[in-house]
Amino acid sequence: MMTQRLWLGLAVVYTCTAVIQLYLLASTGAVWAGTLTAAGFVAALLCVLAAWKASRREREDTTEVDSRRP
């Protein structure tokens, strides 16, 4: 559960950063802001996928422990 929360927190940080860069792109037209926006959204997506895998792995570990109980 803790690993999942860490990944989701990191995804929120990347998303907020990407939104700020998107604002800079819209207000200044700077190409570098567009590149950083895309990179931020991709990083956020990868963090969400990592959180999903971590939660699935934790559920599998819990199921394995529960199945060993008499």
N, C-alpha and C. Protein backbone atom coordinates (compact mmCIF):
# COMPACT_ATOMS: atom_id res chain seq x y z
N MET A 1 0.82 -1.19 0.00
CA MET A 1 0.00 0.00 0.00
C MET A 1 0.87 1.26 0.00
N MET A 2 1.97 1.20 0.73
CA MET A 2 2.84 2.36 0.82
C MET A 2 3.50 2.64 -0.53
N THR A 3 3.92 1.60 -1.23
CA THR A 3 4.54 1.78 -2.53
C THR A 3 3.56 2.40 -3.52
N GLN A 4 2.33 1.95 -3.48
CA GLN A 4 1.31 2.49 -4.37
C GLN A 4 1.10 3.97 -4.10
N ARG A 5 1.05 4.36 -2.85
CA ARG A 5 0.85 5.77 -2.50
C ARG A 5 2.03 6.63 -2.95
N LEU A 6 3.24 6.09 -2.83
CA LEU A 6 4.41 6.84 -3.28
C LEU A 6 4.36 7.08 -4.79
N TRP A 7 4.01 6.06 -5.55
CA TRP A 7 3.93 6.22 -7.00
C TRP A 7 2.82 7.20 -7.38
N LEU A 8 1.69 7.11 -6.70
CA LEU A 8 0.60 8.04 -7.01
C LEU A 8 0.96 9.48 -6.64
N GLY A 9 1.67 9.66 -5.53
CA GLY A 9 2.12 10.99 -5.16
C GLY A 9 3.08 11.56 -6.18
N LEU A 10 3.97 10.74 -6.68
CA LEU A 10 4.90 11.18 -7.71
C LEU A 10 4.16 11.51 -9.00
N ALA A 11 3.12 10.77 -9.32
CA ALA A 11 2.32 11.06 -10.50
C ALA A 11 1.62 12.41 -10.37
N VAL A 12 1.15 12.73 -9.18
CA VAL A 12 0.52 14.03 -8.95
C VAL A 12 1.53 15.16 -9.14
N VAL A 13 2.74 14.97 -8.63
CA VAL A 13 3.78 15.99 -8.78
C VAL A 13 4.10 16.21 -10.26
N TYR A 14 4.28 15.12 -11.01
CA TYR A 14 4.57 15.25 -12.43
C TYR A 14 3.42 15.91 -13.19
N THR A 15 2.19 15.59 -12.82
CA THR A 15 1.03 16.19 -13.48
C THR A 15 0.95 17.68 -13.21
N CYS A 16 1.17 18.07 -11.97
CA CYS A 16 1.15 19.50 -11.64
C CYS A 16 2.25 20.26 -12.38
N THR A 17 3.42 19.66 -12.46
CA THR A 17 4.52 20.29 -13.19
C THR A 17 4.18 20.42 -14.67
N ALA A 18 3.56 19.38 -15.22
CA ALA A 18 3.19 19.42 -16.64
C ALA A 18 2.13 20.48 -16.90
N VAL A 19 1.20 20.66 -15.97
CA VAL A 19 0.17 21.69 -16.14
C VAL A 19 0.80 23.08 -16.12
N ILE A 20 1.76 23.29 -15.24
CA ILE A 20 2.46 24.58 -15.19
C ILE A 20 3.21 24.82 -16.50
N GLN A 21 3.86 23.79 -17.01
CA GLN A 21 4.57 23.92 -18.28
C GLN A 21 3.59 24.17 -19.43
N LEU A 22 2.41 23.58 -19.35
CA LEU A 22 1.39 23.81 -20.37
C LEU A 22 0.95 25.27 -20.35
N TYR A 23 0.81 25.83 -19.17
CA TYR A 23 0.48 27.25 -19.05
C TYR A 23 1.58 28.11 -19.67
N LEU A 24 2.83 27.77 -19.39
CA LEU A 24 3.93 28.53 -19.99
C LEU A 24 3.93 28.41 -21.51
N LEU A 25 3.60 27.25 -22.02
CA LEU A 25 3.52 27.05 -23.46
C LEU A 25 2.43 27.94 -24.06
N ALA A 26 1.28 27.96 -23.39
CA ALA A 26 0.16 28.74 -23.91
C ALA A 26 0.42 30.25 -23.81
N SER A 27 1.08 30.67 -22.76
CA SER A 27 1.27 32.11 -22.57
C SER A 27 2.48 32.66 -23.31
N THR A 28 3.52 31.86 -23.49
CA THR A 28 4.74 32.38 -24.13
C THR A 28 5.01 31.75 -25.49
N GLY A 29 4.46 30.59 -25.75
CA GLY A 29 4.72 29.91 -27.01
C GLY A 29 6.10 29.27 -27.08
N ALA A 30 6.73 29.07 -25.92
CA ALA A 30 8.08 28.49 -25.88
C ALA A 30 8.01 27.00 -26.21
N VAL A 31 8.81 26.58 -27.16
CA VAL A 31 8.82 25.19 -27.59
C VAL A 31 9.32 24.27 -26.47
N TRP A 32 10.27 24.73 -25.69
CA TRP A 32 10.80 23.91 -24.61
C TRP A 32 9.72 23.58 -23.59
N ALA A 33 8.77 24.51 -23.40
CA ALA A 33 7.69 24.24 -22.46
C ALA A 33 6.79 23.11 -22.98
N GLY A 34 6.59 23.07 -24.28
CA GLY A 34 5.80 21.99 -24.85
C GLY A 34 6.47 20.64 -24.70
N THR A 35 7.78 20.64 -24.87
CA THR A 35 8.54 19.39 -24.70
C THR A 35 8.46 18.91 -23.26
N LEU A 36 8.63 19.84 -22.33
CA LEU A 36 8.55 19.46 -20.91
C LEU A 36 7.14 19.05 -20.50
N THR A 37 6.13 19.65 -21.13
CA THR A 37 4.75 19.25 -20.86
C THR A 37 4.53 17.80 -21.26
N ALA A 38 4.96 17.47 -22.47
CA ALA A 38 4.79 16.09 -22.94
C ALA A 38 5.56 15.11 -22.05
N ALA A 39 6.78 15.47 -21.70
CA ALA A 39 7.58 14.59 -20.85
C ALA A 39 6.94 14.43 -19.47
N GLY A 40 6.37 15.49 -18.93
CA GLY A 40 5.72 15.42 -17.62
C GLY A 40 4.49 14.52 -17.63
N PHE A 41 3.68 14.64 -18.69
CA PHE A 41 2.50 13.79 -18.77
C PHE A 41 2.87 12.32 -18.98
N VAL A 42 3.91 12.06 -19.75
CA VAL A 42 4.38 10.68 -19.94
C VAL A 42 4.90 10.11 -18.62
N ALA A 43 5.67 10.91 -17.89
CA ALA A 43 6.19 10.46 -16.60
C ALA A 43 5.05 10.18 -15.62
N ALA A 44 4.03 11.04 -15.63
CA ALA A 44 2.88 10.82 -14.75
C ALA A 44 2.15 9.53 -15.11
N LEU A 45 2.00 9.28 -16.40
CA LEU A 45 1.35 8.05 -16.83
C LEU A 45 2.14 6.82 -16.41
N LEU A 46 3.45 6.89 -16.55
CA LEU A 46 4.29 5.76 -16.13
C LEU A 46 4.22 5.54 -14.62
N CYS A 47 4.11 6.60 -13.85
CA CYS A 47 3.98 6.47 -12.40
C CYS A 47 2.64 5.83 -12.03
N VAL A 48 1.58 6.20 -12.74
CA VAL A 48 0.28 5.58 -12.49
C VAL A 48 0.33 4.09 -12.82
N LEU A 49 0.99 3.74 -13.91
CA LEU A 49 1.12 2.32 -14.25
C LEU A 49 1.94 1.57 -13.19
N ALA A 50 2.98 2.20 -12.68
CA ALA A 50 3.78 1.57 -11.62
C ALA A 50 2.95 1.39 -10.36
N ALA A 51 2.10 2.36 -10.04
CA ALA A 51 1.23 2.24 -8.86
C ALA A 51 0.23 1.11 -9.05
N TRP A 52 -0.28 0.99 -10.26
CA TRP A 52 -1.23 -0.09 -10.53
C TRP A 52 -0.56 -1.45 -10.39
N LYS A 53 0.65 -1.58 -10.92
CA LYS A 53 1.38 -2.84 -10.79
C LYS A 53 1.72 -3.13 -9.33
N ALA A 54 2.07 -2.11 -8.57
CA ALA A 54 2.40 -2.30 -7.15
C ALA A 54 1.18 -2.77 -6.38
N SER A 55 0.02 -2.20 -6.67
CA SER A 55 -1.19 -2.62 -5.95
C SER A 55 -1.56 -4.05 -6.32
N ARG A 56 -1.39 -4.39 -7.59
CA ARG A 56 -1.69 -5.75 -8.02
C ARG A 56 -0.74 -6.75 -7.37
N ARG A 57 0.54 -6.38 -7.29
CA ARG A 57 1.54 -7.25 -6.67
C ARG A 57 1.23 -7.44 -5.18
N GLU A 58 0.82 -6.36 -4.51
CA GLU A 58 0.49 -6.46 -3.08
C GLU A 58 -0.72 -7.35 -2.86
N ARG A 59 -1.71 -7.26 -3.77
CA ARG A 59 -2.89 -8.12 -3.64
C ARG A 59 -2.51 -9.58 -3.83
N GLU A 60 -1.61 -9.86 -4.78
CA GLU A 60 -1.18 -11.23 -5.00
C GLU A 60 -0.41 -11.76 -3.79
N ASP A 61 0.42 -10.91 -3.19
CA ASP A 61 1.17 -11.32 -2.01
C ASP A 61 0.23 -11.62 -0.85
N THR A 62 -0.81 -10.81 -0.70
CA THR A 62 -1.78 -11.00 0.38
C THR A 62 -2.56 -12.29 0.15
N THR A 63 -2.96 -12.55 -1.07
CA THR A 63 -3.69 -13.77 -1.38
C THR A 63 -2.84 -15.00 -1.09
N GLU A 64 -1.56 -14.91 -1.42
CA GLU A 64 -0.66 -16.03 -1.19
C GLU A 64 -0.51 -16.31 0.30
N VAL A 65 -0.42 -15.29 1.13
CA VAL A 65 -0.28 -15.47 2.58
C VAL A 65 -1.57 -16.02 3.15
N ASP A 66 -2.73 -15.49 2.71
CA ASP A 66 -4.01 -15.96 3.21
C ASP A 66 -4.28 -17.42 2.84
N SER A 67 -3.81 -17.86 1.71
CA SER A 67 -4.07 -19.24 1.28
C SER A 67 -3.25 -20.25 2.10
N ARG A 68 -2.23 -19.81 2.79
CA ARG A 68 -1.42 -20.73 3.59
C ARG A 68 -2.00 -20.93 4.99
N ARG A 69 -2.94 -20.11 5.36
CA ARG A 69 -3.54 -20.26 6.71
C ARG A 69 -4.47 -21.47 6.74
N PRO A 70 -4.49 -22.18 7.85
CA PRO A 70 -5.36 -23.37 7.94
C PRO A 70 -6.82 -23.01 8.09
